[in-house]
């Protein structure tokens, strides 16, 4: 086997290893994960400050610049017919975001 063929074989092996590692990364859906499993993954700290009420959170003003609004409008127009069928995982896999 020539040096070139050896290099190609090594690169193919590295690509295969990377593809296998990609499949090893766990993928979680918020709607399907249980509290006990989530606690194994991350440390969750409860914070019940008076300043953080549900009303404050829901009424929080969000400022979006024109570029963001334009992007979101185009995205909604493009994907409108699919919105009802997308799952959370489908959206994570999209490369346009």
N, C-alpha and C. Protein backbone atom coordinates (compact mmCIF):
# COMPACT_ATOMS: atom_id res chain seq x y z
N UNK A 1 0.85 -1.18 0.00
CA UNK A 1 0.00 0.00 0.00
C UNK A 1 0.90 1.24 0.00
N UNK A 2 0.58 2.20 -0.86
CA UNK A 2 1.38 3.43 -0.95
C UNK A 2 1.07 4.36 0.22
N UNK A 3 1.93 5.34 0.42
CA UNK A 3 1.70 6.34 1.47
C UNK A 3 0.36 7.04 1.28
N UNK A 4 0.06 7.33 0.03
CA UNK A 4 -1.20 8.01 -0.27
C UNK A 4 -2.39 7.14 0.14
N UNK A 5 -2.34 5.86 -0.18
CA UNK A 5 -3.42 4.95 0.17
C UNK A 5 -3.54 4.79 1.68
N UNK A 6 -2.40 4.78 2.37
CA UNK A 6 -2.42 4.71 3.83
C UNK A 6 -3.08 5.95 4.43
N UNK A 7 -2.74 7.13 3.87
CA UNK A 7 -3.34 8.38 4.36
C UNK A 7 -4.86 8.37 4.14
N UNK A 8 -5.27 7.90 2.97
CA UNK A 8 -6.71 7.82 2.68
C UNK A 8 -7.39 6.87 3.66
N UNK A 9 -6.80 5.73 3.92
CA UNK A 9 -7.37 4.76 4.85
C UNK A 9 -7.46 5.35 6.25
N UNK A 10 -6.42 6.07 6.68
CA UNK A 10 -6.44 6.71 8.00
C UNK A 10 -7.54 7.77 8.08
N UNK A 11 -7.69 8.57 7.04
CA UNK A 11 -8.73 9.60 7.02
C UNK A 11 -10.13 8.97 7.04
N UNK A 12 -10.31 7.88 6.30
CA UNK A 12 -11.60 7.19 6.32
C UNK A 12 -11.91 6.67 7.71
N UNK A 13 -10.90 6.14 8.39
CA UNK A 13 -11.09 5.64 9.75
C UNK A 13 -11.46 6.78 10.70
N UNK A 14 -10.79 7.93 10.57
CA UNK A 14 -11.09 9.08 11.42
C UNK A 14 -12.52 9.58 11.18
N UNK A 15 -12.93 9.61 9.93
CA UNK A 15 -14.30 10.04 9.60
C UNK A 15 -15.31 9.07 10.21
N UNK A 16 -15.04 7.79 10.08
CA UNK A 16 -15.93 6.77 10.66
C UNK A 16 -16.02 6.93 12.18
N UNK A 17 -14.87 7.16 12.83
CA UNK A 17 -14.86 7.36 14.28
C UNK A 17 -15.67 8.59 14.68
N UNK A 18 -15.51 9.68 13.93
CA UNK A 18 -16.27 10.90 14.22
C UNK A 18 -17.77 10.68 14.04
N UNK A 19 -18.14 9.98 13.00
CA UNK A 19 -19.57 9.71 12.77
C UNK A 19 -20.14 8.85 13.88
N UNK A 20 -19.37 7.90 14.36
CA UNK A 20 -19.83 7.05 15.46
C UNK A 20 -19.96 7.86 16.75
N UNK A 21 -19.04 8.78 17.00
CA UNK A 21 -19.13 9.62 18.19
C UNK A 21 -20.34 10.53 18.13
N UNK A 22 -20.66 11.03 16.95
CA UNK A 22 -21.82 11.90 16.78
C UNK A 22 -23.08 11.17 17.21
N UNK A 23 -23.16 9.90 16.90
CA UNK A 23 -24.34 9.10 17.26
C UNK A 23 -24.36 8.75 18.74
N UNK A 24 -23.23 8.90 19.44
CA UNK A 24 -23.16 8.59 20.85
C UNK A 24 -23.65 9.74 21.73
N UNK A 25 -23.76 10.93 21.17
CA UNK A 25 -24.18 12.09 21.95
C UNK A 25 -25.66 11.92 22.31
N UNK A 26 -25.96 11.92 23.60
CA UNK A 26 -27.37 11.72 23.99
C UNK A 26 -28.24 12.89 23.55
N UNK A 27 -29.46 12.58 23.25
CA UNK A 27 -30.41 13.58 22.78
C UNK A 27 -31.65 13.47 23.66
N UNK A 28 -32.07 14.58 24.26
CA UNK A 28 -33.17 14.57 25.20
C UNK A 28 -34.29 15.47 24.71
N UNK A 29 -35.51 15.04 24.91
CA UNK A 29 -36.68 15.87 24.64
C UNK A 29 -37.23 16.33 25.98
N UNK A 30 -37.39 17.62 26.11
CA UNK A 30 -37.88 18.18 27.37
C UNK A 30 -39.20 17.55 27.79
N UNK A 31 -40.06 17.33 26.83
CA UNK A 31 -41.39 16.80 27.16
C UNK A 31 -41.35 15.33 27.56
N UNK A 32 -40.22 14.65 27.32
CA UNK A 32 -40.15 13.22 27.61
C UNK A 32 -39.18 12.86 28.73
N UNK A 33 -38.36 13.81 29.16
CA UNK A 33 -37.39 13.49 30.21
C UNK A 33 -38.04 13.62 31.58
N UNK A 34 -37.68 12.72 32.48
CA UNK A 34 -38.24 12.75 33.83
C UNK A 34 -37.32 13.55 34.74
N UNK A 35 -37.89 14.09 35.81
CA UNK A 35 -37.10 14.88 36.77
C UNK A 35 -35.90 14.11 37.28
N UNK A 36 -36.09 12.86 37.59
CA UNK A 36 -35.01 12.06 38.16
C UNK A 36 -33.85 11.91 37.16
N UNK A 37 -34.18 11.77 35.87
CA UNK A 37 -33.14 11.68 34.85
C UNK A 37 -32.45 13.02 34.65
N UNK A 38 -33.22 14.08 34.68
CA UNK A 38 -32.68 15.42 34.53
C UNK A 38 -31.71 15.76 35.66
N UNK A 39 -32.06 15.35 36.87
CA UNK A 39 -31.20 15.62 38.03
C UNK A 39 -29.86 14.88 37.93
N UNK A 40 -29.84 13.77 37.21
CA UNK A 40 -28.58 13.05 37.00
C UNK A 40 -27.67 13.80 36.02
N UNK A 41 -28.27 14.60 35.15
CA UNK A 41 -27.51 15.31 34.12
C UNK A 41 -27.01 16.68 34.57
N UNK A 42 -27.85 17.39 35.29
CA UNK A 42 -27.51 18.76 35.69
C UNK A 42 -27.93 19.01 37.13
N UNK A 43 -27.26 19.96 37.73
CA UNK A 43 -27.63 20.34 39.08
C UNK A 43 -28.65 21.48 38.98
N UNK A 44 -29.82 21.24 39.50
CA UNK A 44 -30.90 22.22 39.43
C UNK A 44 -31.07 22.84 40.80
N UNK A 45 -31.04 24.15 40.80
CA UNK A 45 -31.19 24.87 42.06
C UNK A 45 -32.49 25.66 42.01
N UNK A 46 -33.31 25.47 43.00
CA UNK A 46 -34.58 26.18 43.06
C UNK A 46 -34.35 27.59 43.57
N UNK A 47 -34.94 28.54 42.89
CA UNK A 47 -34.79 29.93 43.28
C UNK A 47 -36.18 30.56 43.34
N UNK A 48 -36.59 30.93 44.52
CA UNK A 48 -37.92 31.52 44.70
C UNK A 48 -37.80 32.94 45.24
N UNK A 49 -37.17 33.79 44.47
CA UNK A 49 -37.02 35.18 44.88
C UNK A 49 -38.34 35.92 44.67
N UNK A 50 -38.60 36.88 45.56
CA UNK A 50 -39.83 37.67 45.44
C UNK A 50 -39.89 38.45 44.13
N UNK A 51 -38.72 38.87 43.65
CA UNK A 51 -38.69 39.69 42.44
C UNK A 51 -39.03 38.88 41.19
N UNK A 52 -38.91 37.57 41.27
CA UNK A 52 -39.18 36.73 40.10
C UNK A 52 -40.52 36.03 40.27
N UNK A 53 -41.55 36.71 39.88
CA UNK A 53 -42.89 36.13 39.95
C UNK A 53 -43.33 35.74 38.54
N UNK A 54 -44.30 34.89 38.47
CA UNK A 54 -44.82 34.47 37.17
C UNK A 54 -45.37 35.67 36.40
N UNK A 55 -46.00 36.57 37.10
CA UNK A 55 -46.54 37.77 36.44
C UNK A 55 -45.42 38.60 35.81
N UNK A 56 -44.33 38.80 36.55
CA UNK A 56 -43.19 39.54 36.00
C UNK A 56 -42.63 38.84 34.77
N UNK A 57 -42.53 37.54 34.87
CA UNK A 57 -41.95 36.78 33.78
C UNK A 57 -42.84 36.86 32.54
N UNK A 58 -44.14 36.69 32.71
CA UNK A 58 -45.06 36.72 31.58
C UNK A 58 -45.20 38.10 30.96
N UNK A 59 -45.06 39.13 31.77
CA UNK A 59 -45.23 40.50 31.28
C UNK A 59 -43.91 41.17 30.91
N UNK A 60 -42.85 40.42 30.90
CA UNK A 60 -41.54 40.97 30.55
C UNK A 60 -41.55 41.46 29.09
N UNK A 61 -41.08 42.66 28.89
CA UNK A 61 -41.04 43.22 27.55
C UNK A 61 -39.82 42.70 26.80
N UNK A 62 -40.04 42.24 25.58
CA UNK A 62 -38.95 41.73 24.75
C UNK A 62 -38.75 42.70 23.59
N UNK A 63 -37.52 43.10 23.39
CA UNK A 63 -37.20 44.01 22.29
C UNK A 63 -36.52 43.23 21.18
N UNK A 64 -37.08 43.32 20.00
CA UNK A 64 -36.49 42.67 18.83
C UNK A 64 -36.14 43.73 17.81
N UNK A 65 -34.94 43.63 17.25
CA UNK A 65 -34.57 44.60 16.22
C UNK A 65 -35.23 44.22 14.89
N UNK A 66 -35.20 45.11 13.94
CA UNK A 66 -35.87 44.89 12.65
C UNK A 66 -35.32 43.67 11.91
N UNK A 67 -34.03 43.45 12.02
CA UNK A 67 -33.40 42.31 11.35
C UNK A 67 -33.97 40.99 11.91
N UNK A 68 -34.12 40.92 13.21
CA UNK A 68 -34.66 39.71 13.83
C UNK A 68 -36.11 39.52 13.46
N UNK A 69 -36.88 40.58 13.47
CA UNK A 69 -38.30 40.51 13.09
C UNK A 69 -38.44 40.04 11.65
N UNK A 70 -37.62 40.61 10.77
CA UNK A 70 -37.64 40.23 9.35
C UNK A 70 -37.30 38.75 9.19
N UNK A 71 -36.26 38.29 9.90
CA UNK A 71 -35.87 36.88 9.85
C UNK A 71 -37.01 35.98 10.30
N UNK A 72 -37.63 36.32 11.42
CA UNK A 72 -38.72 35.50 11.97
C UNK A 72 -39.93 35.48 11.04
N UNK A 73 -40.25 36.62 10.45
CA UNK A 73 -41.39 36.68 9.53
C UNK A 73 -41.14 35.81 8.30
N UNK A 74 -39.92 35.88 7.76
CA UNK A 74 -39.58 35.04 6.60
C UNK A 74 -39.59 33.56 6.97
N UNK A 75 -39.08 33.25 8.14
CA UNK A 75 -39.05 31.86 8.59
C UNK A 75 -40.46 31.31 8.76
N UNK A 76 -41.33 32.09 9.38
CA UNK A 76 -42.72 31.66 9.58
C UNK A 76 -43.41 31.48 8.24
N UNK A 77 -43.20 32.42 7.33
CA UNK A 77 -43.82 32.32 6.01
C UNK A 77 -43.34 31.07 5.28
N UNK A 78 -42.05 30.79 5.37
CA UNK A 78 -41.46 29.63 4.69
C UNK A 78 -41.92 28.31 5.32
N UNK A 79 -42.03 28.26 6.64
CA UNK A 79 -42.29 27.01 7.35
C UNK A 79 -43.72 26.88 7.89
N UNK A 80 -44.57 27.83 7.56
CA UNK A 80 -45.91 27.90 8.14
C UNK A 80 -46.67 26.57 8.06
N UNK A 81 -46.64 25.93 6.92
CA UNK A 81 -47.42 24.71 6.76
C UNK A 81 -46.86 23.53 7.56
N UNK A 82 -45.61 23.65 8.03
CA UNK A 82 -44.99 22.55 8.77
C UNK A 82 -45.01 22.73 10.29
N UNK A 83 -45.34 23.92 10.76
CA UNK A 83 -45.22 24.23 12.18
C UNK A 83 -45.95 23.22 13.06
N UNK A 84 -47.13 22.81 12.68
CA UNK A 84 -47.90 21.89 13.52
C UNK A 84 -47.30 20.49 13.59
N UNK A 85 -46.48 20.12 12.62
CA UNK A 85 -45.93 18.76 12.61
C UNK A 85 -44.48 18.68 13.11
N UNK A 86 -43.83 19.81 13.32
CA UNK A 86 -42.46 19.78 13.84
C UNK A 86 -42.44 19.31 15.28
N UNK A 87 -41.47 18.48 15.61
CA UNK A 87 -41.25 18.14 17.01
C UNK A 87 -40.08 19.00 17.50
N UNK A 88 -39.86 19.01 18.78
CA UNK A 88 -38.76 19.77 19.36
C UNK A 88 -37.43 19.32 18.75
N UNK A 89 -37.24 18.03 18.56
CA UNK A 89 -35.99 17.51 18.02
C UNK A 89 -35.81 17.90 16.56
N UNK A 90 -36.89 17.97 15.79
CA UNK A 90 -36.79 18.42 14.41
C UNK A 90 -36.23 19.84 14.35
N UNK A 91 -36.71 20.68 15.24
CA UNK A 91 -36.27 22.07 15.25
C UNK A 91 -34.80 22.18 15.65
N UNK A 92 -34.36 21.35 16.55
CA UNK A 92 -32.95 21.39 16.96
C UNK A 92 -32.04 21.01 15.81
N UNK A 93 -32.49 20.14 14.94
CA UNK A 93 -31.67 19.64 13.85
C UNK A 93 -31.57 20.62 12.69
N UNK A 94 -32.45 21.61 12.63
CA UNK A 94 -32.43 22.59 11.55
C UNK A 94 -31.15 23.40 11.59
N UNK A 95 -30.49 23.55 10.45
CA UNK A 95 -29.23 24.29 10.39
C UNK A 95 -29.44 25.77 10.07
N UNK A 96 -30.68 26.18 9.79
CA UNK A 96 -30.94 27.56 9.42
C UNK A 96 -31.03 28.48 10.63
N UNK A 97 -31.07 27.93 11.83
CA UNK A 97 -31.25 28.75 13.02
C UNK A 97 -29.92 29.24 13.52
